[in-house]
Amino acid sequence: MKEYLDNLDIQVKFDGNKIIDVRYDGEACAICTSSTSIMSELVIGKTLDEAKEQWELLQEQADKYYDDVERIYERRCTTNL
């Protein structure tokens, strides 16, 4: 199995307490790069606290998705025995 290493540097520019720009650079898979791009767009105009809330919501949704995928995979594995 091939292992992947995502390595992104993220820079956030503030105007007062509002995020006005986000940049990132580095090497990462397509999923990591696209999710970073989406998150960058979602946090512009938000405060740091609002951006953290947005991140926590996204993380909860991703965790639920992966839990669902894992349950489906386990069900398939046990029914194919």
PDB file of N, CA and C in Angstrom:
ATOM      1  N   MET A   1       0.848  -1.178   0.000  1.00  0.00           N
ATOM      2  CA  MET A   1       0.000   0.000   0.000  1.00  0.00           C
ATOM      3  C   MET A   1       0.893   1.241   0.000  1.00  0.00           C
ATOM      4  N   LYS A   2       0.587   2.166  -0.876  1.00  0.00           N
ATOM      5  CA  LYS A   2       1.362   3.395  -0.974  1.00  0.00           C
ATOM      6  C   LYS A   2       0.899   4.389   0.089  1.00  0.00           C
ATOM      7  N   GLU A   3       1.859   5.014   0.737  1.00  0.00           N
ATOM      8  CA  GLU A   3       1.530   6.022   1.740  1.00  0.00           C
ATOM      9  C   GLU A   3       1.716   7.409   1.146  1.00  0.00           C
ATOM     10  N   TYR A   4       0.874   8.330   1.571  1.00  0.00           N
ATOM     11  CA  TYR A   4       0.938   9.693   1.071  1.00  0.00           C
ATOM     12  C   TYR A   4       1.228  10.634   2.226  1.00  0.00           C
ATOM     13  N   LEU A   5       1.973  11.660   1.914  1.00  0.00           N
ATOM     14  CA  LEU A   5       2.289  12.670   2.914  1.00  0.00           C
ATOM     15  C   LEU A   5       1.854  14.018   2.368  1.00  0.00           C
ATOM     16  N   ASP A   6       0.898  14.630   3.030  1.00  0.00           N
ATOM     17  CA  ASP A   6       0.438  15.957   2.643  1.00  0.00           C
ATOM     18  C   ASP A   6       1.207  16.978   3.465  1.00  0.00           C
ATOM     19  N   ASN A   7       1.732  17.974   2.790  1.00  0.00           N
ATOM     20  CA  ASN A   7       2.516  19.000   3.467  1.00  0.00           C
ATOM     21  C   ASN A   7       2.154  20.357   2.859  1.00  0.00           C
ATOM     22  N   LEU A   8       1.306  21.095   3.554  1.00  0.00           N
ATOM     23  CA  LEU A   8       0.877  22.408   3.080  1.00  0.00           C
ATOM     24  C   LEU A   8       1.234  23.473   4.111  1.00  0.00           C
ATOM     25  N   ASP A   9       1.764  24.574   3.638  1.00  0.00           N
ATOM     26  CA  ASP A   9       1.978  25.761   4.469  1.00  0.00           C
ATOM     27  C   ASP A   9       0.810  26.701   4.187  1.00  0.00           C
ATOM     28  N   ILE A  10       0.156  27.151   5.241  1.00  0.00           N
ATOM     29  CA  ILE A  10      -1.019  28.010   5.088  1.00  0.00           C
ATOM     30  C   ILE A  10      -0.720  29.354   5.741  1.00  0.00           C
ATOM     31  N   GLN A  11      -0.988  30.426   4.997  1.00  0.00           N
ATOM     32  CA  GLN A  11      -0.802  31.783   5.513  1.00  0.00           C
ATOM     33  C   GLN A  11      -2.160  32.481   5.522  1.00  0.00           C
ATOM     34  N   VAL A  12      -2.440  33.161   6.611  1.00  0.00           N
ATOM     35  CA  VAL A  12      -3.713  33.872   6.768  1.00  0.00           C
ATOM     36  C   VAL A  12      -3.416  35.343   7.009  1.00  0.00           C
ATOM     37  N   LYS A  13      -4.080  36.215   6.232  1.00  0.00           N
ATOM     38  CA  LYS A  13      -3.902  37.663   6.374  1.00  0.00           C
ATOM     39  C   LYS A  13      -5.153  38.241   7.034  1.00  0.00           C
ATOM     40  N   PHE A  14      -4.939  39.070   8.043  1.00  0.00           N
ATOM     41  CA  PHE A  14      -6.025  39.688   8.794  1.00  0.00           C
ATOM     42  C   PHE A  14      -6.080  41.191   8.549  1.00  0.00           C
ATOM     43  N   ASP A  15      -7.278  41.743   8.624  1.00  0.00           N
ATOM     44  CA  ASP A  15      -7.497  43.183   8.699  1.00  0.00           C
ATOM     45  C   ASP A  15      -8.256  43.379   9.997  1.00  0.00           C
ATOM     46  N   GLY A  16      -7.539  43.788  11.015  1.00  0.00           N
ATOM     47  CA  GLY A  16      -8.152  43.819  12.344  1.00  0.00           C
ATOM     48  C   GLY A  16      -8.354  42.384  12.798  1.00  0.00           C
ATOM     49  N   ASN A  17      -9.604  42.038  13.090  1.00  0.00           N
ATOM     50  CA  ASN A  17      -9.869  40.673  13.525  1.00  0.00           C
ATOM     51  C   ASN A  17     -10.538  39.831  12.429  1.00  0.00           C
ATOM     52  N   LYS A  18     -10.625  40.352  11.218  1.00  0.00           N
ATOM     53  CA  LYS A  18     -11.256  39.628  10.101  1.00  0.00           C
ATOM     54  C   LYS A  18     -10.206  39.051   9.158  1.00  0.00           C
ATOM     55  N   ILE A  19     -10.458  37.840   8.706  1.00  0.00           N
ATOM     56  CA  ILE A  19      -9.590  37.194   7.716  1.00  0.00           C
ATOM     57  C   ILE A  19      -9.907  37.802   6.353  1.00  0.00           C
ATOM     58  N   ILE A  20      -8.872  38.304   5.674  1.00  0.00           N
ATOM     59  CA  ILE A  20      -9.109  38.918   4.359  1.00  0.00           C
ATOM     60  C   ILE A  20      -8.460  38.134   3.217  1.00  0.00           C
ATOM     61  N   ASP A  21      -7.536  37.227   3.563  1.00  0.00           N
ATOM     62  CA  ASP A  21      -6.918  36.431   2.509  1.00  0.00           C
ATOM     63  C   ASP A  21      -6.306  35.182   3.122  1.00  0.00           C
ATOM     64  N   VAL A  22      -6.292  34.113   2.329  1.00  0.00           N
ATOM     65  CA  VAL A  22      -5.663  32.860   2.740  1.00  0.00           C
ATOM     66  C   VAL A  22      -4.866  32.337   1.553  1.00  0.00           C
ATOM     67  N   ARG A  23      -3.633  31.937   1.819  1.00  0.00           N
ATOM     68  CA  ARG A  23      -2.782  31.334   0.793  1.00  0.00           C
ATOM     69  C   ARG A  23      -2.268  30.015   1.319  1.00  0.00           C
ATOM     70  N   TYR A  24      -2.002  29.120   0.391  1.00  0.00           N
ATOM     71  CA  TYR A  24      -1.365  27.863   0.778  1.00  0.00           C
ATOM     72  C   TYR A  24      -0.453  27.408  -0.346  1.00  0.00           C
ATOM     73  N   ASP A  25       0.571  26.675   0.057  1.00  0.00           N
ATOM     74  CA  ASP A  25       1.547  26.175  -0.908  1.00  0.00           C
ATOM     75  C   ASP A  25       2.144  24.898  -0.332  1.00  0.00           C
ATOM     76  N   GLY A  26       2.502  23.989  -1.195  1.00  0.00           N
ATOM     77  CA  GLY A  26       3.132  22.758  -0.755  1.00  0.00           C
ATOM     78  C   GLY A  26       2.740  21.600  -1.640  1.00  0.00           C
ATOM     79  N   GLU A  27       2.960  20.407  -1.129  1.00  0.00           N
ATOM     80  CA  GLU A  27       2.630  19.196  -1.860  1.00  0.00           C
ATOM     81  C   GLU A  27       1.543  18.430  -1.110  1.00  0.00           C
ATOM     82  N   ALA A  28       0.500  18.044  -1.850  1.00  0.00           N
ATOM     83  CA  ALA A  28      -0.600  17.310  -1.230  1.00  0.00           C
ATOM     84  C   ALA A  28      -1.416  16.615  -2.308  1.00  0.00           C
ATOM     85  N   CYS A  29      -2.192  15.642  -1.880  1.00  0.00           N
ATOM     86  CA  CYS A  29      -3.063  14.936  -2.813  1.00  0.00           C
ATOM     87  C   CYS A  29      -4.201  15.873  -3.244  1.00  0.00           C
ATOM     88  N   ALA A  30      -4.928  15.450  -4.260  1.00  0.00           N
ATOM     89  CA  ALA A  30      -6.014  16.274  -4.804  1.00  0.00           C
ATOM     90  C   ALA A  30      -7.091  16.547  -3.763  1.00  0.00           C
ATOM     91  N   ILE A  31      -7.413  15.560  -2.941  1.00  0.00           N
ATOM     92  CA  ILE A  31      -8.468  15.742  -1.928  1.00  0.00           C
ATOM     93  C   ILE A  31      -8.034  16.776  -0.899  1.00  0.00           C
ATOM     94  N   CYS A  32      -6.811  16.683  -0.444  1.00  0.00           N
ATOM     95  CA  CYS A  32      -6.295  17.649   0.540  1.00  0.00           C
ATOM     96  C   CYS A  32      -6.241  19.049  -0.054  1.00  0.00           C
ATOM     97  N   THR A  33      -5.756  19.154  -1.283  1.00  0.00           N
ATOM     98  CA  THR A  33      -5.646  20.455  -1.931  1.00  0.00           C
ATOM     99  C   THR A  33      -7.022  21.080  -2.139  1.00  0.00           C
ATOM    100  N   SER A  34      -7.977  20.283  -2.606  1.00  0.00           N
ATOM    101  CA  SER A  34      -9.307  20.847  -2.860  1.00  0.00           C
ATOM    102  C   SER A  34     -10.021  21.216  -1.563  1.00  0.00           C
ATOM    103  N   SER A  35      -9.874  20.416  -0.522  1.00  0.00           N
ATOM    104  CA  SER A  35     -10.526  20.764   0.743  1.00  0.00           C
ATOM    105  C   SER A  35      -9.895  22.011   1.355  1.00  0.00           C
ATOM    106  N   THR A  36      -8.585  22.188   1.173  1.00  0.00           N
ATOM    107  CA  THR A  36      -7.922  23.405   1.650  1.00  0.00           C
ATOM    108  C   THR A  36      -8.425  24.621   0.877  1.00  0.00           C
ATOM    109  N   SER A  37      -8.619  24.456  -0.420  1.00  0.00           N
ATOM    110  CA  SER A  37      -9.137  25.543  -1.249  1.00  0.00           C
ATOM    111  C   SER A  37     -10.543  25.943  -0.805  1.00  0.00           C
ATOM    112  N   ILE A  38     -11.392  24.956  -0.580  1.00  0.00           N
ATOM    113  CA  ILE A  38     -12.776  25.234  -0.142  1.00  0.00           C
ATOM    114  C   ILE A  38     -12.774  25.924   1.215  1.00  0.00           C
ATOM    115  N   MET A  39     -11.983  25.391   2.148  1.00  0.00           N
ATOM    116  CA  MET A  39     -11.937  25.979   3.486  1.00  0.00           C
ATOM    117  C   MET A  39     -11.401  27.402   3.432  1.00  0.00           C
ATOM    118  N   SER A  40     -10.425  27.644   2.563  1.00  0.00           N
ATOM    119  CA  SER A  40      -9.869  28.996   2.418  1.00  0.00           C
ATOM    120  C   SER A  40     -10.953  29.977   2.002  1.00  0.00           C
ATOM    121  N   GLU A  41     -11.787  29.576   1.065  1.00  0.00           N
ATOM    122  CA  GLU A  41     -12.872  30.445   0.606  1.00  0.00           C
ATOM    123  C   GLU A  41     -13.920  30.664   1.688  1.00  0.00           C
ATOM    124  N   LEU A  42     -14.196  29.622   2.469  1.00  0.00           N
ATOM    125  CA  LEU A  42     -15.237  29.723   3.499  1.00  0.00           C
ATOM    126  C   LEU A  42     -14.871  30.654   4.646  1.00  0.00           C
ATOM    127  N   VAL A  43     -13.579  30.801   4.944  1.00  0.00           N
ATOM    128  CA  VAL A  43     -13.196  31.589   6.123  1.00  0.00           C
ATOM    129  C   VAL A  43     -12.936  33.056   5.827  1.00  0.00           C
ATOM    130  N   ILE A  44     -12.822  33.434   4.567  1.00  0.00           N
ATOM    131  CA  ILE A  44     -12.586  34.844   4.250  1.00  0.00           C
ATOM    132  C   ILE A  44     -13.788  35.678   4.720  1.00  0.00           C
ATOM    133  N   GLY A  45     -13.481  36.747   5.442  1.00  0.00           N
ATOM    134  CA  GLY A  45     -14.522  37.607   5.996  1.00  0.00           C
ATOM    135  C   GLY A  45     -14.934  37.219   7.407  1.00  0.00           C
ATOM    136  N   LYS A  46     -14.413  36.124   7.914  1.00  0.00           N
ATOM    137  CA  LYS A  46     -14.762  35.665   9.262  1.00  0.00           C
ATOM    138  C   LYS A  46     -13.662  36.038  10.255  1.00  0.00           C
ATOM    139  N   THR A  47     -14.006  36.043  11.521  1.00  0.00           N
ATOM    140  CA  THR A  47     -13.009  36.213  12.575  1.00  0.00           C
ATOM    141  C   THR A  47     -12.315  34.869  12.784  1.00  0.00           C
ATOM    142  N   LEU A  48     -11.234  34.875  13.540  1.00  0.00           N
ATOM    143  CA  LEU A  48     -10.525  33.633  13.834  1.00  0.00           C
ATOM    144  C   LEU A  48     -11.438  32.649  14.567  1.00  0.00           C
ATOM    145  N   ASP A  49     -12.218  33.139  15.529  1.00  0.00           N
ATOM    146  CA  ASP A  49     -13.145  32.265  16.260  1.00  0.00           C
ATOM    147  C   ASP A  49     -14.193  31.665  15.328  1.00  0.00           C
ATOM    148  N   GLU A  50     -14.727  32.475  14.412  1.00  0.00           N
ATOM    149  CA  GLU A  50     -15.715  31.968  13.449  1.00  0.00           C
ATOM    150  C   GLU A  50     -15.084  30.931  12.517  1.00  0.00           C
ATOM    151  N   ALA A  51     -13.840  31.176  12.123  1.00  0.00           N
ATOM    152  CA  ALA A  51     -13.132  30.229  11.257  1.00  0.00           C
ATOM    153  C   ALA A  51     -12.900  28.910  11.987  1.00  0.00           C
ATOM    154  N   LYS A  52     -12.559  28.975  13.269  1.00  0.00           N
ATOM    155  CA  LYS A  52     -12.378  27.754  14.061  1.00  0.00           C
ATOM    156  C   LYS A  52     -13.684  26.976  14.149  1.00  0.00           C
ATOM    157  N   GLU A  53     -14.803  27.669  14.340  1.00  0.00           N
ATOM    158  CA  GLU A  53     -16.112  27.006  14.377  1.00  0.00           C
ATOM    159  C   GLU A  53     -16.406  26.319  13.050  1.00  0.00           C
ATOM    160  N   GLN A  54     -16.093  27.005  11.951  1.00  0.00           N
ATOM    161  CA  GLN A  54     -16.296  26.442  10.612  1.00  0.00           C
ATOM    162  C   GLN A  54     -15.464  25.178  10.449  1.00  0.00           C
ATOM    163  N   TRP A  55     -14.215  25.218  10.908  1.00  0.00           N
ATOM    164  CA  TRP A  55     -13.327  24.066  10.815  1.00  0.00           C
ATOM    165  C   TRP A  55     -13.872  22.898  11.631  1.00  0.00           C
ATOM    166  N   GLU A  56     -14.341  23.173  12.851  1.00  0.00           N
ATOM    167  CA  GLU A  56     -14.876  22.111  13.697  1.00  0.00           C
ATOM    168  C   GLU A  56     -16.101  21.460  13.057  1.00  0.00           C
ATOM    169  N   LEU A  57     -16.958  22.258  12.435  1.00  0.00           N
ATOM    170  CA  LEU A  57     -18.127  21.721  11.749  1.00  0.00           C
ATOM    171  C   LEU A  57     -17.707  20.823  10.584  1.00  0.00           C
ATOM    172  N   LEU A  58     -16.753  21.287   9.797  1.00  0.00           N
ATOM    173  CA  LEU A  58     -16.255  20.499   8.675  1.00  0.00           C
ATOM    174  C   LEU A  58     -15.628  19.199   9.167  1.00  0.00           C
ATOM    175  N   GLN A  59     -14.881  19.262  10.257  1.00  0.00           N
ATOM    176  CA  GLN A  59     -14.238  18.075  10.816  1.00  0.00           C
ATOM    177  C   GLN A  59     -15.283  17.071  11.306  1.00  0.00           C
ATOM    178  N   GLU A  60     -16.330  17.553  11.953  1.00  0.00           N
ATOM    179  CA  GLU A  60     -17.409  16.670  12.406  1.00  0.00           C
ATOM    180  C   GLU A  60     -18.069  15.962  11.221  1.00  0.00           C
ATOM    181  N   GLN A  61     -18.324  16.705  10.153  1.00  0.00           N
ATOM    182  CA  GLN A  61     -18.944  16.115   8.966  1.00  0.00           C
ATOM    183  C   GLN A  61     -18.032  15.076   8.330  1.00  0.00           C
ATOM    184  N   ALA A  62     -16.738  15.365   8.261  1.00  0.00           N
ATOM    185  CA  ALA A  62     -15.788  14.409   7.688  1.00  0.00           C
ATOM    186  C   ALA A  62     -15.703  13.154   8.547  1.00  0.00           C
ATOM    187  N   ASP A  63     -15.671  13.323   9.866  1.00  0.00           N
ATOM    188  CA  ASP A  63     -15.625  12.161  10.761  1.00  0.00           C
ATOM    189  C   ASP A  63     -16.860  11.285  10.594  1.00  0.00           C
ATOM    190  N   LYS A  64     -18.035  11.906  10.483  1.00  0.00           N
ATOM    191  CA  LYS A  64     -19.272  11.150  10.295  1.00  0.00           C
ATOM    192  C   LYS A  64     -19.232  10.402   8.963  1.00  0.00           C
ATOM    193  N   TYR A  65     -18.768  11.060   7.920  1.00  0.00           N
ATOM    194  CA  TYR A  65     -18.670  10.422   6.606  1.00  0.00           C
ATOM    195  C   TYR A  65     -17.769   9.191   6.677  1.00  0.00           C
ATOM    196  N   TYR A  66     -16.585   9.345   7.272  1.00  0.00           N
ATOM    197  CA  TYR A  66     -15.658   8.213   7.346  1.00  0.00           C
ATOM    198  C   TYR A  66     -16.194   7.102   8.236  1.00  0.00           C
ATOM    199  N   ASP A  67     -16.914   7.443   9.309  1.00  0.00           N
ATOM    200  CA  ASP A  67     -17.548   6.417  10.139  1.00  0.00           C
ATOM    201  C   ASP A  67     -18.578   5.636   9.328  1.00  0.00           C
ATOM    202  N   ASP A  68     -19.374   6.350   8.521  1.00  0.00           N
ATOM    203  CA  ASP A  68     -20.369   5.688   7.673  1.00  0.00           C
ATOM    204  C   ASP A  68     -19.699   4.769   6.656  1.00  0.00           C
ATOM    205  N   VAL A  69     -18.644   5.227   6.033  1.00  0.00           N
ATOM    206  CA  VAL A  69     -17.922   4.415   5.046  1.00  0.00           C
ATOM    207  C   VAL A  69     -17.349   3.169   5.717  1.00  0.00           C
ATOM    208  N   GLU A  70     -16.797   3.340   6.898  1.00  0.00           N
ATOM    209  CA  GLU A  70     -16.223   2.202   7.622  1.00  0.00           C
ATOM    210  C   GLU A  70     -17.293   1.164   7.959  1.00  0.00           C
ATOM    211  N   ARG A  71     -18.469   1.612   8.410  1.00  0.00           N
ATOM    212  CA  ARG A  71     -19.569   0.683   8.722  1.00  0.00           C
ATOM    213  C   ARG A  71     -20.010  -0.075   7.476  1.00  0.00           C
ATOM    214  N   ILE A  72     -20.121   0.618   6.355  1.00  0.00           N
ATOM    215  CA  ILE A  72     -20.519  -0.034   5.103  1.00  0.00           C
ATOM    216  C   ILE A  72     -19.475  -1.073   4.696  1.00  0.00           C
ATOM    217  N   TYR A  73     -18.217  -0.723   4.800  1.00  0.00           N
ATOM    218  CA  TYR A  73     -17.132  -1.637   4.445  1.00  0.00           C
ATOM    219  C   TYR A  73     -17.168  -2.872   5.345  1.00  0.00           C
ATOM    220  N   GLU A  74     -17.328  -2.656   6.652  1.00  0.00           N
ATOM    221  CA  GLU A  74     -17.375  -3.781   7.589  1.00  0.00           C
ATOM    222  C   GLU A  74     -18.561  -4.690   7.294  1.00  0.00           C
ATOM    223  N   ARG A  75     -19.703  -4.114   6.963  1.00  0.00           N
ATOM    224  CA  ARG A  75     -20.891  -4.897   6.632  1.00  0.00           C
ATOM    225  C   ARG A  75     -20.642  -5.755   5.395  1.00  0.00           C
ATOM    226  N   ARG A  76     -20.020  -5.159   4.389  1.00  0.00           N
ATOM    227  CA  ARG A  76     -19.711  -5.910   3.168  1.00  0.00           C
ATOM    228  C   ARG A  76     -18.747  -7.054   3.441  1.00  0.00           C
ATOM    229  N   CYS A  77     -17.750  -6.784   4.258  1.00  0.00           N
ATOM    230  CA  CYS A  77     -16.757  -7.809   4.554  1.00  0.00           C
ATOM    231  C   CYS A  77     -17.369  -8.987   5.307  1.00  0.00           C
ATOM    232  N   THR A  78     -18.261  -8.712   6.226  1.00  0.00           N
ATOM    233  CA  THR A  78     -18.847  -9.798   7.015  1.00  0.00           C
ATOM    234  C   THR A  78     -19.913 -10.550   6.228  1.00  0.00           C
ATOM    235  N   THR A  79     -20.592  -9.897   5.293  1.00  0.00           N
ATOM    236  CA  THR A  79     -21.622 -10.599   4.531  1.00  0.00           C
ATOM    237  C   THR A  79     -21.036 -11.420   3.388  1.00  0.00           C
ATOM    238  N   ASN A  80     -19.811 -11.127   2.987  1.00  0.00           N
ATOM    239  CA  ASN A  80     -19.176 -11.863   1.899  1.00  0.00           C
ATOM    240  C   ASN A  80     -18.375 -13.069   2.382  1.00  0.00           C
ATOM    241  N   LEU A  81     -18.389 -13.338   3.674  1.00  0.00           N
ATOM    242  CA  LEU A  81     -17.634 -14.475   4.205  1.00  0.00           C
ATOM    243  C   LEU A  81     -18.300 -15.780   3.927  1.00  0.00           C
TER     244      LEU A  81
END
